[in-house]
Amino acid sequence: MKKLTKKLTIVVEKITLPQWNSFVLETNLMVEDWEEFGPRFKIKTPDLKRIIQRGKAKPGRGEKVEPNPWKEK
């Protein structure tokens, strides 16, 4: 079977910061889970590394996590 390269753009509107972070984390989980079956995905979004790092941090482990520069005060 021929291997294809496709591009998909998703535009998300009217989303809160916590919803956005959850969306990015869920999408990243899909990418990681599907990797063993062949498809390779690339996610491009600002602060991707920080969002994933914060989302995977375990409470009480003392892991250093960058503060969120966009957090509403």
PDB file of N, CA and C in Angstrom:
ATOM      1  N   MET A   1       0.838  -1.171   0.000  1.00  0.00           N
ATOM      2  CA  MET A   1       0.000   0.000   0.000  1.00  0.00           C
ATOM      3  C   MET A   1       0.890   1.242   0.000  1.00  0.00           C
ATOM      4  N   LYS A   2       0.533   2.213  -0.808  1.00  0.00           N
ATOM      5  CA  LYS A   2       1.307   3.437  -0.938  1.00  0.00           C
ATOM      6  C   LYS A   2       1.153   4.302   0.318  1.00  0.00           C
ATOM      7  N   LYS A   3       2.283   4.803   0.831  1.00  0.00           N
ATOM      8  CA  LYS A   3       2.269   5.683   2.001  1.00  0.00           C
ATOM      9  C   LYS A   3       2.053   7.114   1.530  1.00  0.00           C
ATOM     10  N   LEU A   4       1.094   7.791   2.142  1.00  0.00           N
ATOM     11  CA  LEU A   4       0.757   9.149   1.764  1.00  0.00           C
ATOM     12  C   LEU A   4       1.174  10.130   2.853  1.00  0.00           C
ATOM     13  N   THR A   5       1.390  11.357   2.447  1.00  0.00           N
ATOM     14  CA  THR A   5       1.602  12.441   3.389  1.00  0.00           C
ATOM     15  C   THR A   5       0.457  13.415   3.201  1.00  0.00           C
ATOM     16  N   LYS A   6      -0.269  13.666   4.265  1.00  0.00           N
ATOM     17  CA  LYS A   6      -1.423  14.562   4.224  1.00  0.00           C
ATOM     18  C   LYS A   6      -1.243  15.646   5.275  1.00  0.00           C
ATOM     19  N   LYS A   7      -1.899  16.765   5.057  1.00  0.00           N
ATOM     20  CA  LYS A   7      -1.835  17.865   6.012  1.00  0.00           C
ATOM     21  C   LYS A   7      -3.253  18.256   6.404  1.00  0.00           C
ATOM     22  N   LEU A   8      -3.461  18.440   7.703  1.00  0.00           N
ATOM     23  CA  LEU A   8      -4.755  18.823   8.247  1.00  0.00           C
ATOM     24  C   LEU A   8      -4.549  20.039   9.142  1.00  0.00           C
ATOM     25  N   THR A   9      -5.358  21.053   8.947  1.00  0.00           N
ATOM     26  CA  THR A   9      -5.308  22.238   9.797  1.00  0.00           C
ATOM     27  C   THR A   9      -6.606  22.310  10.590  1.00  0.00           C
ATOM     28  N   ILE A  10      -6.479  22.449  11.891  1.00  0.00           N
ATOM     29  CA  ILE A  10      -7.646  22.562  12.760  1.00  0.00           C
ATOM     30  C   ILE A  10      -7.624  23.958  13.377  1.00  0.00           C
ATOM     31  N   VAL A  11      -8.698  24.681  13.209  1.00  0.00           N
ATOM     32  CA  VAL A  11      -8.837  26.007  13.805  1.00  0.00           C
ATOM     33  C   VAL A  11      -9.873  25.898  14.910  1.00  0.00           C
ATOM     34  N   VAL A  12      -9.475  26.253  16.122  1.00  0.00           N
ATOM     35  CA  VAL A  12     -10.376  26.157  17.270  1.00  0.00           C
ATOM     36  C   VAL A  12     -10.715  27.580  17.718  1.00  0.00           C
ATOM     37  N   GLU A  13     -12.013  27.857  17.777  1.00  0.00           N
ATOM     38  CA  GLU A  13     -12.469  29.183  18.193  1.00  0.00           C
ATOM     39  C   GLU A  13     -13.299  29.055  19.456  1.00  0.00           C
ATOM     40  N   LYS A  14     -13.391  30.142  20.190  1.00  0.00           N
ATOM     41  CA  LYS A  14     -14.213  30.210  21.415  1.00  0.00           C
ATOM     42  C   LYS A  14     -13.842  29.104  22.392  1.00  0.00           C
ATOM     43  N   ILE A  15     -12.562  29.013  22.721  1.00  0.00           N
ATOM     44  CA  ILE A  15     -12.080  27.990  23.642  1.00  0.00           C
ATOM     45  C   ILE A  15     -11.318  28.673  24.771  1.00  0.00           C
ATOM     46  N   THR A  16     -11.518  28.167  25.974  1.00  0.00           N
ATOM     47  CA  THR A  16     -10.800  28.723  27.119  1.00  0.00           C
ATOM     48  C   THR A  16      -9.405  28.107  27.183  1.00  0.00           C
ATOM     49  N   LEU A  17      -8.528  28.716  27.969  1.00  0.00           N
ATOM     50  CA  LEU A  17      -7.174  28.190  28.104  1.00  0.00           C
ATOM     51  C   LEU A  17      -7.164  26.763  28.660  1.00  0.00           C
ATOM     52  N   PRO A  18      -7.944  26.465  29.719  1.00  0.00           N
ATOM     53  CA  PRO A  18      -7.961  25.069  30.191  1.00  0.00           C
ATOM     54  C   PRO A  18      -8.489  24.091  29.132  1.00  0.00           C
ATOM     55  N   GLN A  19      -9.499  24.505  28.362  1.00  0.00           N
ATOM     56  CA  GLN A  19     -10.009  23.642  27.299  1.00  0.00           C
ATOM     57  C   GLN A  19      -8.943  23.425  26.223  1.00  0.00           C
ATOM     58  N   TRP A  20      -8.217  24.488  25.886  1.00  0.00           N
ATOM     59  CA  TRP A  20      -7.158  24.388  24.874  1.00  0.00           C
ATOM     60  C   TRP A  20      -6.075  23.420  25.337  1.00  0.00           C
ATOM     61  N   ASN A  21      -5.645  23.561  26.595  1.00  0.00           N
ATOM     62  CA  ASN A  21      -4.610  22.674  27.117  1.00  0.00           C
ATOM     63  C   ASN A  21      -5.075  21.224  27.081  1.00  0.00           C
ATOM     64  N   SER A  22      -6.320  20.970  27.454  1.00  0.00           N
ATOM     65  CA  SER A  22      -6.857  19.603  27.403  1.00  0.00           C
ATOM     66  C   SER A  22      -6.912  19.084  25.977  1.00  0.00           C
ATOM     67  N   PHE A  23      -7.320  19.936  25.050  1.00  0.00           N
ATOM     68  CA  PHE A  23      -7.386  19.555  23.638  1.00  0.00           C
ATOM     69  C   PHE A  23      -6.003  19.154  23.121  1.00  0.00           C
ATOM     70  N   VAL A  24      -5.001  19.963  23.446  1.00  0.00           N
ATOM     71  CA  VAL A  24      -3.627  19.674  23.002  1.00  0.00           C
ATOM     72  C   VAL A  24      -3.131  18.376  23.634  1.00  0.00           C
ATOM     73  N   LEU A  25      -3.385  18.183  24.935  1.00  0.00           N
ATOM     74  CA  LEU A  25      -2.949  16.957  25.608  1.00  0.00           C
ATOM     75  C   LEU A  25      -3.622  15.721  25.023  1.00  0.00           C
ATOM     76  N   GLU A  26      -4.925  15.797  24.779  1.00  0.00           N
ATOM     77  CA  GLU A  26      -5.650  14.661  24.192  1.00  0.00           C
ATOM     78  C   GLU A  26      -5.140  14.346  22.787  1.00  0.00           C
ATOM     79  N   THR A  27      -4.874  15.380  22.014  1.00  0.00           N
ATOM     80  CA  THR A  27      -4.341  15.174  20.664  1.00  0.00           C
ATOM     81  C   THR A  27      -2.965  14.527  20.737  1.00  0.00           C
ATOM     82  N   ASN A  28      -2.144  14.966  21.673  1.00  0.00           N
ATOM     83  CA  ASN A  28      -0.814  14.382  21.836  1.00  0.00           C
ATOM     84  C   ASN A  28      -0.906  12.912  22.255  1.00  0.00           C
ATOM     85  N   LEU A  29      -1.870  12.572  23.113  1.00  0.00           N
ATOM     86  CA  LEU A  29      -2.056  11.167  23.489  1.00  0.00           C
ATOM     87  C   LEU A  29      -2.392  10.311  22.273  1.00  0.00           C
ATOM     88  N   MET A  30      -3.238  10.832  21.397  1.00  0.00           N
ATOM     89  CA  MET A  30      -3.577  10.110  20.171  1.00  0.00           C
ATOM     90  C   MET A  30      -2.326   9.894  19.311  1.00  0.00           C
ATOM     91  N   VAL A  31      -1.529  10.935  19.187  1.00  0.00           N
ATOM     92  CA  VAL A  31      -0.301  10.847  18.389  1.00  0.00           C
ATOM     93  C   VAL A  31       0.607   9.755  18.949  1.00  0.00           C
ATOM     94  N   GLU A  32       0.795   9.752  20.267  1.00  0.00           N
ATOM     95  CA  GLU A  32       1.666   8.749  20.898  1.00  0.00           C
ATOM     96  C   GLU A  32       1.101   7.336  20.751  1.00  0.00           C
ATOM     97  N   ASP A  33      -0.203   7.175  20.918  1.00  0.00           N
ATOM     98  CA  ASP A  33      -0.813   5.844  20.839  1.00  0.00           C
ATOM     99  C   ASP A  33      -0.802   5.273  19.421  1.00  0.00           C
ATOM    100  N   TRP A  34      -0.979   6.114  18.435  1.00  0.00           N
ATOM    101  CA  TRP A  34      -1.043   5.636  17.051  1.00  0.00           C
ATOM    102  C   TRP A  34       0.334   5.369  16.454  1.00  0.00           C
ATOM    103  N   GLU A  35       1.376   5.854  17.086  1.00  0.00           N
ATOM    104  CA  GLU A  35       2.725   5.751  16.526  1.00  0.00           C
ATOM    105  C   GLU A  35       3.126   4.304  16.233  1.00  0.00           C
ATOM    106  N   GLU A  36       2.741   3.379  17.095  1.00  0.00           N
ATOM    107  CA  GLU A  36       3.133   1.986  16.900  1.00  0.00           C
ATOM    108  C   GLU A  36       2.441   1.335  15.691  1.00  0.00           C
ATOM    109  N   PHE A  37       1.376   1.961  15.190  1.00  0.00           N
ATOM    110  CA  PHE A  37       0.642   1.398  14.050  1.00  0.00           C
ATOM    111  C   PHE A  37       1.052   2.009  12.716  1.00  0.00           C
ATOM    112  N   GLY A  38       2.012   2.920  12.737  1.00  0.00           N
ATOM    113  CA  GLY A  38       2.535   3.436  11.485  1.00  0.00           C
ATOM    114  C   GLY A  38       2.396   4.920  11.260  1.00  0.00           C
ATOM    115  N   PRO A  39       1.225   5.517  11.485  1.00  0.00           N
ATOM    116  CA  PRO A  39       1.104   6.947  11.187  1.00  0.00           C
ATOM    117  C   PRO A  39       2.012   7.796  12.066  1.00  0.00           C
ATOM    118  N   ARG A  40       2.616   8.804  11.470  1.00  0.00           N
ATOM    119  CA  ARG A  40       3.461   9.744  12.203  1.00  0.00           C
ATOM    120  C   ARG A  40       2.813  11.115  12.113  1.00  0.00           C
ATOM    121  N   PHE A  41       2.553  11.718  13.246  1.00  0.00           N
ATOM    122  CA  PHE A  41       1.909  13.022  13.299  1.00  0.00           C
ATOM    123  C   PHE A  41       2.882  14.049  13.831  1.00  0.00           C
ATOM    124  N   LYS A  42       2.691  15.291  13.419  1.00  0.00           N
ATOM    125  CA  LYS A  42       3.438  16.424  13.970  1.00  0.00           C
ATOM    126  C   LYS A  42       2.419  17.450  14.425  1.00  0.00           C
ATOM    127  N   ILE A  43       2.549  17.895  15.658  1.00  0.00           N
ATOM    128  CA  ILE A  43       1.675  18.934  16.187  1.00  0.00           C
ATOM    129  C   ILE A  43       2.488  20.215  16.269  1.00  0.00           C
ATOM    130  N   LYS A  44       1.939  21.285  15.750  1.00  0.00           N
ATOM    131  CA  LYS A  44       2.602  22.584  15.816  1.00  0.00           C
ATOM    132  C   LYS A  44       1.654  23.570  16.477  1.00  0.00           C
ATOM    133  N   THR A  45       2.037  24.069  17.628  1.00  0.00           N
ATOM    134  CA  THR A  45       1.267  25.089  18.331  1.00  0.00           C
ATOM    135  C   THR A  45       2.204  25.797  19.307  1.00  0.00           C
ATOM    136  N   PRO A  46       1.958  27.051  19.583  1.00  0.00           N
ATOM    137  CA  PRO A  46       2.806  27.747  20.559  1.00  0.00           C
ATOM    138  C   PRO A  46       2.739  27.047  21.922  1.00  0.00           C
ATOM    139  N   ASP A  47       3.856  26.968  22.593  1.00  0.00           N
ATOM    140  CA  ASP A  47       3.953  26.396  23.948  1.00  0.00           C
ATOM    141  C   ASP A  47       3.609  24.910  24.017  1.00  0.00           C
ATOM    142  N   LEU A  48       3.740  24.184  22.919  1.00  0.00           N
ATOM    143  CA  LEU A  48       3.408  22.755  22.914  1.00  0.00           C
ATOM    144  C   LEU A  48       4.192  21.996  23.984  1.00  0.00           C
ATOM    145  N   LYS A  49       5.496  22.219  24.037  1.00  0.00           N
ATOM    146  CA  LYS A  49       6.334  21.501  24.990  1.00  0.00           C
ATOM    147  C   LYS A  49       5.895  21.783  26.433  1.00  0.00           C
ATOM    148  N   ARG A  50       5.585  23.042  26.754  1.00  0.00           N
ATOM    149  CA  ARG A  50       5.167  23.418  28.097  1.00  0.00           C
ATOM    150  C   ARG A  50       3.822  22.781  28.456  1.00  0.00           C
ATOM    151  N   ILE A  51       2.881  22.801  27.515  1.00  0.00           N
ATOM    152  CA  ILE A  51       1.558  22.223  27.769  1.00  0.00           C
ATOM    153  C   ILE A  51       1.682  20.727  28.068  1.00  0.00           C
ATOM    154  N   ILE A  52       2.453  20.020  27.271  1.00  0.00           N
ATOM    155  CA  ILE A  52       2.622  18.574  27.464  1.00  0.00           C
ATOM    156  C   ILE A  52       3.366  18.298  28.766  1.00  0.00           C
ATOM    157  N   GLN A  53       4.405  19.084  29.042  1.00  0.00           N
ATOM    158  CA  GLN A  53       5.175  18.905  30.270  1.00  0.00           C
ATOM    159  C   GLN A  53       4.284  19.100  31.495  1.00  0.00           C
ATOM    160  N   ARG A  54       3.477  20.147  31.508  1.00  0.00           N
ATOM    161  CA  ARG A  54       2.581  20.423  32.637  1.00  0.00           C
ATOM    162  C   ARG A  54       1.489  19.360  32.729  1.00  0.00           C
ATOM    163  N   GLY A  55       0.997  18.910  31.604  1.00  0.00           N
ATOM    164  CA  GLY A  55      -0.072  17.920  31.607  1.00  0.00           C
ATOM    165  C   GLY A  55       0.365  16.550  32.076  1.00  0.00           C
ATOM    166  N   LYS A  56       1.640  16.226  31.885  1.00  0.00           N
ATOM    167  CA  LYS A  56       2.155  14.918  32.294  1.00  0.00           C
ATOM    168  C   LYS A  56       2.811  14.938  33.672  1.00  0.00           C
ATOM    169  N   ALA A  57       2.956  16.126  34.272  1.00  0.00           N
ATOM    170  CA  ALA A  57       3.586  16.236  35.584  1.00  0.00           C
ATOM    171  C   ALA A  57       2.724  15.542  36.640  1.00  0.00           C
ATOM    172  N   LYS A  58       3.362  14.828  37.519  1.00  0.00           N
ATOM    173  CA  LYS A  58       2.657  14.138  38.587  1.00  0.00           C
ATOM    174  C   LYS A  58       2.698  15.016  39.841  1.00  0.00           C
ATOM    175  N   PRO A  59       1.551  15.221  40.486  1.00  0.00           N
ATOM    176  CA  PRO A  59       1.520  16.048  41.686  1.00  0.00           C
ATOM    177  C   PRO A  59       2.428  15.490  42.786  1.00  0.00           C
ATOM    178  N   GLY A  60       3.130  16.383  43.474  1.00  0.00           N
ATOM    179  CA  GLY A  60       3.967  15.967  44.589  1.00  0.00           C
ATOM    180  C   GLY A  60       5.317  15.413  44.205  1.00  0.00           C
ATOM    181  N   ARG A  61       5.642  15.373  42.931  1.00  0.00           N
ATOM    182  CA  ARG A  61       6.926  14.829  42.497  1.00  0.00           C
ATOM    183  C   ARG A  61       8.030  15.889  42.469  1.00  0.00           C
ATOM    184  N   GLY A  62       7.650  17.149  42.652  1.00  0.00           N
ATOM    185  CA  GLY A  62       8.641  18.222  42.660  1.00  0.00           C
ATOM    186  C   GLY A  62       9.247  18.498  41.299  1.00  0.00           C
ATOM    187  N   GLU A  63       8.535  18.136  40.241  1.00  0.00           N
ATOM    188  CA  GLU A  63       9.053  18.369  38.890  1.00  0.00           C
ATOM    189  C   GLU A  63       9.025  19.864  38.583  1.00  0.00           C
ATOM    190  N   LYS A  64      10.102  20.348  37.988  1.00  0.00           N
ATOM    191  CA  LYS A  64      10.170  21.749  37.594  1.00  0.00           C
ATOM    192  C   LYS A  64       9.365  21.929  36.314  1.00  0.00           C
ATOM    193  N   VAL A  65       8.398  22.842  36.372  1.00  0.00           N
ATOM    194  CA  VAL A  65       7.542  23.109  35.224  1.00  0.00           C
ATOM    195  C   VAL A  65       7.527  24.611  35.004  1.00  0.00           C
ATOM    196  N   GLU A  66       7.677  25.013  33.751  1.00  0.00           N
ATOM    197  CA  GLU A  66       7.655  26.437  33.440  1.00  0.00           C
ATOM    198  C   GLU A  66       6.302  27.027  33.811  1.00  0.00           C
ATOM    199  N   PRO A  67       6.304  28.240  34.377  1.00  0.00           N
ATOM    200  CA  PRO A  67       5.019  28.875  34.665  1.00  0.00           C
ATOM    201  C   PRO A  67       4.293  29.239  33.375  1.00  0.00           C
ATOM    202  N   ASN A  68       2.982  29.317  33.449  1.00  0.00           N
ATOM    203  CA  ASN A  68       2.176  29.652  32.288  1.00  0.00           C
ATOM    204  C   ASN A  68       2.174  31.160  32.086  1.00  0.00           C
ATOM    205  N   PRO A  69       2.787  31.670  31.019  1.00  0.00           N
ATOM    206  CA  PRO A  69       2.828  33.117  30.817  1.00  0.00           C
ATOM    207  C   PRO A  69       1.484  33.696  30.421  1.00  0.00           C
ATOM    208  N   TRP A  70       0.530  32.864  30.022  1.00  0.00           N
ATOM    209  CA  TRP A  70      -0.773  33.344  29.533  1.00  0.00           C
ATOM    210  C   TRP A  70      -1.863  33.218  30.585  1.00  0.00           C
ATOM    211  N   LYS A  71      -1.522  32.712  31.754  1.00  0.00           N
ATOM    212  CA  LYS A  71      -2.541  32.480  32.782  1.00  0.00           C
ATOM    213  C   LYS A  71      -3.203  33.798  33.195  1.00  0.00           C
ATOM    214  N   GLU A  72      -4.527  33.736  33.242  1.00  0.00           N
ATOM    215  CA  GLU A  72      -5.275  34.911  33.653  1.00  0.00           C
ATOM    216  C   GLU A  72      -5.132  35.092  35.161  1.00  0.00           C
ATOM    217  N   LYS A  73      -4.976  36.343  35.593  1.00  0.00           N
ATOM    218  CA  LYS A  73      -4.807  36.626  37.015  1.00  0.00           C
ATOM    219  C   LYS A  73      -6.080  37.104  37.633  1.00  0.00           C
TER     220      LYS A  73
END
